[in-house]
Amino acid sequence: VGSLEIIDPFKYPATYTWMNNFVNNPI
């Protein structure tokens, strides 16, 4: 929506991996 990058996956790779783990949990 804002046309920007808030969380850079290269600067925060562990956070980015966690984001995917969390959002893809079935519950």
PDB file of all heavy atoms in Angstrom:
ATOM      1  N   VAL A   1       0.831  -1.205   0.000  1.00  0.00           N
ATOM      2  CA  VAL A   1       0.000   0.000   0.000  1.00  0.00           C
ATOM      3  C   VAL A   1       0.866   1.256   0.000  1.00  0.00           C
ATOM      4  O   VAL A   1       0.569   2.237  -0.686  1.00  0.00           O
ATOM      5  CB  VAL A   1      -0.962  -0.002   1.208  1.00  0.00           C
ATOM      6  CG1 VAL A   1      -1.681   1.343   1.346  1.00  0.00           C
ATOM      7  CG2 VAL A   1      -1.984  -1.125   1.075  1.00  0.00           C
ATOM      8  N   GLY A   2       1.951   1.239   0.769  1.00  0.00           N
ATOM      9  CA  GLY A   2       2.811   2.410   0.892  1.00  0.00           C
ATOM     10  C   GLY A   2       3.928   2.482  -0.119  1.00  0.00           C
ATOM     11  O   GLY A   2       4.697   3.451  -0.132  1.00  0.00           O
ATOM     12  N   SER A   3       4.047   1.451  -0.980  1.00  0.00           N
ATOM     13  CA  SER A   3       5.126   1.375  -1.979  1.00  0.00           C
ATOM     14  C   SER A   3       6.493   1.585  -1.318  1.00  0.00           C
ATOM     15  O   SER A   3       7.269   2.470  -1.700  1.00  0.00           O
ATOM     16  CB  SER A   3       4.914   2.424  -3.090  1.00  0.00           C
ATOM     17  OG  SER A   3       3.689   2.210  -3.735  1.00  0.00           O
ATOM     18  N   LEU A   4       6.774   0.762  -0.323  1.00  0.00           N
ATOM     19  CA  LEU A   4       8.056   0.845   0.380  1.00  0.00           C
ATOM     20  C   LEU A   4       8.428  -0.520   0.939  1.00  0.00           C
ATOM     21  O   LEU A   4       7.620  -1.450   0.899  1.00  0.00           O
ATOM     22  CB  LEU A   4       7.989   1.870   1.519  1.00  0.00           C
ATOM     23  CG  LEU A   4       7.323   1.455   2.845  1.00  0.00           C
ATOM     24  CD1 LEU A   4       7.721   2.405   3.948  1.00  0.00           C
ATOM     25  CD2 LEU A   4       5.823   1.386   2.729  1.00  0.00           C
ATOM     26  N   GLU A   5       9.662  -0.630   1.409  1.00  0.00           N
ATOM     27  CA  GLU A   5      10.119  -1.863   2.041  1.00  0.00           C
ATOM     28  C   GLU A   5      10.379  -1.583   3.515  1.00  0.00           C
ATOM     29  O   GLU A   5      11.250  -0.803   3.862  1.00  0.00           O
ATOM     30  CB  GLU A   5      11.400  -2.367   1.369  1.00  0.00           C
ATOM     31  CG  GLU A   5      11.850  -3.721   1.871  1.00  0.00           C
ATOM     32  CD  GLU A   5      13.036  -4.251   1.095  1.00  0.00           C
ATOM     33  OE1 GLU A   5      14.116  -3.620   1.165  1.00  0.00           O
ATOM     34  OE2 GLU A   5      12.896  -5.283   0.410  1.00  0.00           O
ATOM     35  N   ILE A   6       9.601  -2.236   4.361  1.00  0.00           N
ATOM     36  CA  ILE A   6       9.733  -2.037   5.804  1.00  0.00           C
ATOM     37  C   ILE A   6      10.687  -3.071   6.391  1.00  0.00           C
ATOM     38  O   ILE A   6      11.553  -2.752   7.197  1.00  0.00           O
ATOM     39  CB  ILE A   6       8.350  -2.104   6.488  1.00  0.00           C
ATOM     40  CG1 ILE A   6       7.457  -0.947   5.987  1.00  0.00           C
ATOM     41  CG2 ILE A   6       8.489  -2.044   8.015  1.00  0.00           C
ATOM     42  CD1 ILE A   6       6.018  -1.010   6.458  1.00  0.00           C
ATOM     43  N   ILE A   7      10.536  -4.319   5.984  1.00  0.00           N
ATOM     44  CA  ILE A   7      11.415  -5.386   6.485  1.00  0.00           C
ATOM     45  C   ILE A   7      12.194  -5.967   5.311  1.00  0.00           C
ATOM     46  O   ILE A   7      11.647  -6.692   4.474  1.00  0.00           O
ATOM     47  CB  ILE A   7      10.610  -6.477   7.213  1.00  0.00           C
ATOM     48  CG1 ILE A   7       9.912  -5.884   8.440  1.00  0.00           C
ATOM     49  CG2 ILE A   7      11.522  -7.630   7.624  1.00  0.00           C
ATOM     50  CD1 ILE A   7       9.132  -6.865   9.268  1.00  0.00           C
ATOM     51  N   ASP A   8      13.468  -5.629   5.259  1.00  0.00           N
ATOM     52  CA  ASP A   8      14.369  -6.092   4.201  1.00  0.00           C
ATOM     53  C   ASP A   8      14.784  -7.535   4.508  1.00  0.00           C
ATOM     54  O   ASP A   8      15.424  -7.799   5.536  1.00  0.00           O
ATOM     55  CB  ASP A   8      15.597  -5.175   4.168  1.00  0.00           C
ATOM     56  CG  ASP A   8      16.561  -5.524   3.051  1.00  0.00           C
ATOM     57  OD1 ASP A   8      16.539  -6.670   2.573  1.00  0.00           O
ATOM     58  OD2 ASP A   8      17.354  -4.640   2.670  1.00  0.00           O
ATOM     59  N   PRO A   9      14.442  -8.498   3.624  1.00  0.00           N
ATOM     60  CA  PRO A   9      14.786  -9.904   3.901  1.00  0.00           C
ATOM     61  C   PRO A   9      16.284 -10.168   3.950  1.00  0.00           C
ATOM     62  O   PRO A   9      16.714 -11.153   4.553  1.00  0.00           O
ATOM     63  CB  PRO A   9      14.127 -10.661   2.738  1.00  0.00           C
ATOM     64  CG  PRO A   9      13.905  -9.642   1.677  1.00  0.00           C
ATOM     65  CD  PRO A   9      13.689  -8.340   2.383  1.00  0.00           C
ATOM     66  N   PHE A  10      17.086  -9.281   3.364  1.00  0.00           N
ATOM     67  CA  PHE A  10      18.541  -9.462   3.394  1.00  0.00           C
ATOM     68  C   PHE A  10      19.138  -8.948   4.707  1.00  0.00           C
ATOM     69  O   PHE A  10      20.121  -9.487   5.209  1.00  0.00           O
ATOM     70  CB  PHE A  10      19.187  -8.772   2.197  1.00  0.00           C
ATOM     71  CG  PHE A  10      18.775  -9.364   0.881  1.00  0.00           C
ATOM     72  CD1 PHE A  10      17.838  -8.731   0.080  1.00  0.00           C
ATOM     73  CD2 PHE A  10      19.300 -10.578   0.464  1.00  0.00           C
ATOM     74  CE1 PHE A  10      17.443  -9.288  -1.133  1.00  0.00           C
ATOM     75  CE2 PHE A  10      18.911 -11.149  -0.739  1.00  0.00           C
ATOM     76  CZ  PHE A  10      17.976 -10.504  -1.541  1.00  0.00           C
ATOM     77  N   LYS A  11      18.520  -7.900   5.261  1.00  0.00           N
ATOM     78  CA  LYS A  11      18.993  -7.379   6.542  1.00  0.00           C
ATOM     79  C   LYS A  11      18.467  -8.194   7.717  1.00  0.00           C
ATOM     80  O   LYS A  11      19.120  -8.297   8.757  1.00  0.00           O
ATOM     81  CB  LYS A  11      18.547  -5.920   6.704  1.00  0.00           C
ATOM     82  CG  LYS A  11      19.294  -4.931   5.849  1.00  0.00           C
ATOM     83  CD  LYS A  11      18.821  -3.508   6.141  1.00  0.00           C
ATOM     84  CE  LYS A  11      19.574  -2.498   5.286  1.00  0.00           C
ATOM     85  NZ  LYS A  11      19.051  -1.116   5.493  1.00  0.00           N
ATOM     86  N   TYR A  12      17.271  -8.745   7.543  1.00  0.00           N
ATOM     87  CA  TYR A  12      16.615  -9.481   8.637  1.00  0.00           C
ATOM     88  C   TYR A  12      16.194 -10.869   8.153  1.00  0.00           C
ATOM     89  O   TYR A  12      15.010 -11.207   8.142  1.00  0.00           O
ATOM     90  CB  TYR A  12      15.395  -8.704   9.145  1.00  0.00           C
ATOM     91  CG  TYR A  12      15.635  -7.219   9.348  1.00  0.00           C
ATOM     92  CD1 TYR A  12      15.025  -6.275   8.522  1.00  0.00           C
ATOM     93  CD2 TYR A  12      16.472  -6.765  10.363  1.00  0.00           C
ATOM     94  CE1 TYR A  12      15.236  -4.916   8.706  1.00  0.00           C
ATOM     95  CE2 TYR A  12      16.697  -5.407  10.542  1.00  0.00           C
ATOM     96  CZ  TYR A  12      16.077  -4.492   9.708  1.00  0.00           C
ATOM     97  OH  TYR A  12      16.296  -3.140   9.882  1.00  0.00           O
ATOM     98  N   PRO A  13      17.153 -11.712   7.752  1.00  0.00           N
ATOM     99  CA  PRO A  13      16.799 -13.023   7.183  1.00  0.00           C
ATOM    100  C   PRO A  13      16.088 -13.956   8.167  1.00  0.00           C
ATOM    101  O   PRO A  13      15.168 -14.681   7.778  1.00  0.00           O
ATOM    102  CB  PRO A  13      18.154 -13.604   6.756  1.00  0.00           C
ATOM    103  CG  PRO A  13      19.171 -12.862   7.576  1.00  0.00           C
ATOM    104  CD  PRO A  13      18.608 -11.492   7.775  1.00  0.00           C
ATOM    105  N   ALA A  14      16.503 -13.934   9.431  1.00  0.00           N
ATOM    106  CA  ALA A  14      15.868 -14.810  10.419  1.00  0.00           C
ATOM    107  C   ALA A  14      14.423 -14.381  10.678  1.00  0.00           C
ATOM    108  O   ALA A  14      13.523 -15.219  10.811  1.00  0.00           O
ATOM    109  CB  ALA A  14      16.669 -14.801  11.723  1.00  0.00           C
ATOM    110  N   THR A  15      14.208 -13.064  10.723  1.00  0.00           N
ATOM    111  CA  THR A  15      12.851 -12.546  10.911  1.00  0.00           C
ATOM    112  C   THR A  15      11.988 -12.902   9.711  1.00  0.00           C
ATOM    113  O   THR A  15      10.816 -13.293   9.867  1.00  0.00           O
ATOM    114  CB  THR A  15      12.881 -11.011  11.089  1.00  0.00           C
ATOM    115  OG1 THR A  15      13.713 -10.692  12.203  1.00  0.00           O
ATOM    116  CG2 THR A  15      11.485 -10.457  11.308  1.00  0.00           C
ATOM    117  N   TYR A  16      12.539 -12.784   8.516  1.00  0.00           N
ATOM    118  CA  TYR A  16      11.797 -13.073   7.300  1.00  0.00           C
ATOM    119  C   TYR A  16      11.401 -14.558   7.248  1.00  0.00           C
ATOM    120  O   TYR A  16      10.269 -14.898   6.865  1.00  0.00           O
ATOM    121  CB  TYR A  16      12.636 -12.702   6.081  1.00  0.00           C
ATOM    122  CG  TYR A  16      11.833 -12.535   4.823  1.00  0.00           C
ATOM    123  CD1 TYR A  16      11.053 -11.397   4.616  1.00  0.00           C
ATOM    124  CD2 TYR A  16      11.846 -13.520   3.833  1.00  0.00           C
ATOM    125  CE1 TYR A  16      10.306 -11.241   3.459  1.00  0.00           C
ATOM    126  CE2 TYR A  16      11.100 -13.367   2.671  1.00  0.00           C
ATOM    127  CZ  TYR A  16      10.335 -12.233   2.494  1.00  0.00           C
ATOM    128  OH  TYR A  16       9.595 -12.087   1.346  1.00  0.00           O
ATOM    129  N   THR A  17      12.307 -15.441   7.654  1.00  0.00           N
ATOM    130  CA  THR A  17      12.007 -16.877   7.699  1.00  0.00           C
ATOM    131  C   THR A  17      10.911 -17.146   8.727  1.00  0.00           C
ATOM    132  O   THR A  17       9.975 -17.910   8.478  1.00  0.00           O
ATOM    133  CB  THR A  17      13.270 -17.684   8.058  1.00  0.00           C
ATOM    134  OG1 THR A  17      14.262 -17.456   7.060  1.00  0.00           O
ATOM    135  CG2 THR A  17      12.974 -19.167   8.150  1.00  0.00           C
ATOM    136  N   TRP A  18      11.027 -16.495   9.894  1.00  0.00           N
ATOM    137  CA  TRP A  18       9.985 -16.644  10.927  1.00  0.00           C
ATOM    138  C   TRP A  18       8.636 -16.183  10.409  1.00  0.00           C
ATOM    139  O   TRP A  18       7.605 -16.831  10.670  1.00  0.00           O
ATOM    140  CB  TRP A  18      10.368 -15.834  12.177  1.00  0.00           C
ATOM    141  CG  TRP A  18       9.208 -15.641  13.092  1.00  0.00           C
ATOM    142  CD1 TRP A  18       8.699 -16.544  13.985  1.00  0.00           C
ATOM    143  CD2 TRP A  18       8.382 -14.468  13.195  1.00  0.00           C
ATOM    144  NE1 TRP A  18       7.606 -16.016  14.628  1.00  0.00           N
ATOM    145  CE2 TRP A  18       7.393 -14.744  14.160  1.00  0.00           C
ATOM    146  CE3 TRP A  18       8.388 -13.224  12.561  1.00  0.00           C
ATOM    147  CZ2 TRP A  18       6.416 -13.813  14.516  1.00  0.00           C
ATOM    148  CZ3 TRP A  18       7.417 -12.291  12.903  1.00  0.00           C
ATOM    149  CH2 TRP A  18       6.442 -12.593  13.865  1.00  0.00           C
ATOM    150  N   MET A  19       8.600 -15.058   9.677  1.00  0.00           N
ATOM    151  CA  MET A  19       7.335 -14.550   9.132  1.00  0.00           C
ATOM    152  C   MET A  19       6.655 -15.618   8.279  1.00  0.00           C
ATOM    153  O   MET A  19       5.446 -15.852   8.401  1.00  0.00           O
ATOM    154  CB  MET A  19       7.585 -13.290   8.292  1.00  0.00           C
ATOM    155  CG  MET A  19       7.943 -12.071   9.116  1.00  0.00           C
ATOM    156  SD  MET A  19       8.591 -10.690   8.098  1.00  0.00           S
ATOM    157  CE  MET A  19       7.145 -10.284   7.110  1.00  0.00           C
ATOM    158  N   ASN A  20       7.431 -16.285   7.441  1.00  0.00           N
ATOM    159  CA  ASN A  20       6.873 -17.336   6.587  1.00  0.00           C
ATOM    160  C   ASN A  20       6.421 -18.543   7.398  1.00  0.00           C
ATOM    161  O   ASN A  20       5.363 -19.123   7.122  1.00  0.00           O
ATOM    162  CB  ASN A  20       7.903 -17.757   5.532  1.00  0.00           C
ATOM    163  CG  ASN A  20       8.061 -16.707   4.442  1.00  0.00           C
ATOM    164  OD1 ASN A  20       7.083 -16.178   3.934  1.00  0.00           O
ATOM    165  ND2 ASN A  20       9.296 -16.397   4.084  1.00  0.00           N
ATOM    166  N   ASN A  21       7.220 -18.919   8.398  1.00  0.00           N
ATOM    167  CA  ASN A  21       6.834 -20.041   9.266  1.00  0.00           C
ATOM    168  C   ASN A  21       5.509 -19.753   9.975  1.00  0.00           C
ATOM    169  O   ASN A  21       4.633 -20.619  10.072  1.00  0.00           O
ATOM    170  CB  ASN A  21       7.918 -20.308  10.314  1.00  0.00           C
ATOM    171  CG  ASN A  21       9.176 -20.910   9.716  1.00  0.00           C
ATOM    172  OD1 ASN A  21       9.130 -21.520   8.651  1.00  0.00           O
ATOM    173  ND2 ASN A  21      10.291 -20.733  10.396  1.00  0.00           N
ATOM    174  N   PHE A  22       5.380 -18.528  10.463  1.00  0.00           N
ATOM    175  CA  PHE A  22       4.182 -18.169  11.237  1.00  0.00           C
ATOM    176  C   PHE A  22       2.948 -18.109  10.349  1.00  0.00           C
ATOM    177  O   PHE A  22       1.926 -18.723  10.646  1.00  0.00           O
ATOM    178  CB  PHE A  22       4.394 -16.826  11.939  1.00  0.00           C
ATOM    179  CG  PHE A  22       3.259 -16.459  12.857  1.00  0.00           C
ATOM    180  CD1 PHE A  22       3.215 -16.950  14.152  1.00  0.00           C
ATOM    181  CD2 PHE A  22       2.237 -15.627  12.421  1.00  0.00           C
ATOM    182  CE1 PHE A  22       2.161 -16.631  15.002  1.00  0.00           C
ATOM    183  CE2 PHE A  22       1.176 -15.292  13.257  1.00  0.00           C
ATOM    184  CZ  PHE A  22       1.138 -15.797  14.557  1.00  0.00           C
ATOM    185  N   VAL A  23       3.049 -17.366   9.252  1.00  0.00           N
ATOM    186  CA  VAL A  23       1.864 -17.130   8.422  1.00  0.00           C
ATOM    187  C   VAL A  23       1.398 -18.409   7.713  1.00  0.00           C
ATOM    188  O   VAL A  23       0.231 -18.519   7.326  1.00  0.00           O
ATOM    189  CB  VAL A  23       2.150 -16.000   7.403  1.00  0.00           C
ATOM    190  CG1 VAL A  23       2.906 -16.500   6.186  1.00  0.00           C
ATOM    191  CG2 VAL A  23       0.872 -15.290   7.000  1.00  0.00           C
ATOM    192  N   ASN A  24       2.291 -19.385   7.578  1.00  0.00           N
ATOM    193  CA  ASN A  24       1.925 -20.638   6.909  1.00  0.00           C
ATOM    194  C   ASN A  24       1.508 -21.740   7.872  1.00  0.00           C
ATOM    195  O   ASN A  24       1.169 -22.849   7.430  1.00  0.00           O
ATOM    196  CB  ASN A  24       3.070 -21.125   6.018  1.00  0.00           C
ATOM    197  CG  ASN A  24       3.206 -20.279   4.763  1.00  0.00           C
ATOM    198  OD1 ASN A  24       2.236 -20.085   4.039  1.00  0.00           O
ATOM    199  ND2 ASN A  24       4.399 -19.753   4.506  1.00  0.00           N
ATOM    200  N   ASN A  25       1.526 -21.444   9.170  1.00  0.00           N
ATOM    201  CA  ASN A  25       0.987 -22.407  10.130  1.00  0.00           C
ATOM    202  C   ASN A  25      -0.512 -22.575   9.858  1.00  0.00           C
ATOM    203  O   ASN A  25      -1.231 -21.570   9.744  1.00  0.00           O
ATOM    204  CB  ASN A  25       1.226 -21.909  11.551  1.00  0.00           C
ATOM    205  CG  ASN A  25       0.653 -22.837  12.588  1.00  0.00           C
ATOM    206  OD1 ASN A  25      -0.546 -22.816  12.862  1.00  0.00           O
ATOM    207  ND2 ASN A  25       1.495 -23.647  13.196  1.00  0.00           N
ATOM    208  N   PRO A  26      -1.023 -23.795   9.745  1.00  0.00           N
ATOM    209  CA  PRO A  26      -2.427 -23.996   9.371  1.00  0.00           C
ATOM    210  C   PRO A  26      -3.428 -23.282  10.280  1.00  0.00           C
ATOM    211  O   PRO A  26      -4.435 -22.739   9.800  1.00  0.00           O
ATOM    212  CB  PRO A  26      -2.602 -25.515   9.453  1.00  0.00           C
ATOM    213  CG  PRO A  26      -1.231 -26.069   9.254  1.00  0.00           C
ATOM    214  CD  PRO A  26      -0.298 -25.068   9.871  1.00  0.00           C
ATOM    215  N   ILE A  27      -3.170 -23.266  11.579  1.00  0.00           N
ATOM    216  CA  ILE A  27      -4.087 -22.605  12.515  1.00  0.00           C
ATOM    217  C   ILE A  27      -4.115 -21.103  12.262  1.00  0.00           C
ATOM    218  O   ILE A  27      -5.176 -20.474  12.263  1.00  0.00           O
ATOM    219  CB  ILE A  27      -3.694 -22.914  13.970  1.00  0.00           C
ATOM    220  CG1 ILE A  27      -3.982 -24.377  14.289  1.00  0.00           C
ATOM    221  CG2 ILE A  27      -4.437 -21.997  14.954  1.00  0.00           C
ATOM    222  CD1 ILE A  27      -3.537 -24.827  15.660  1.00  0.00           C
TER     223      ILE A  27
END
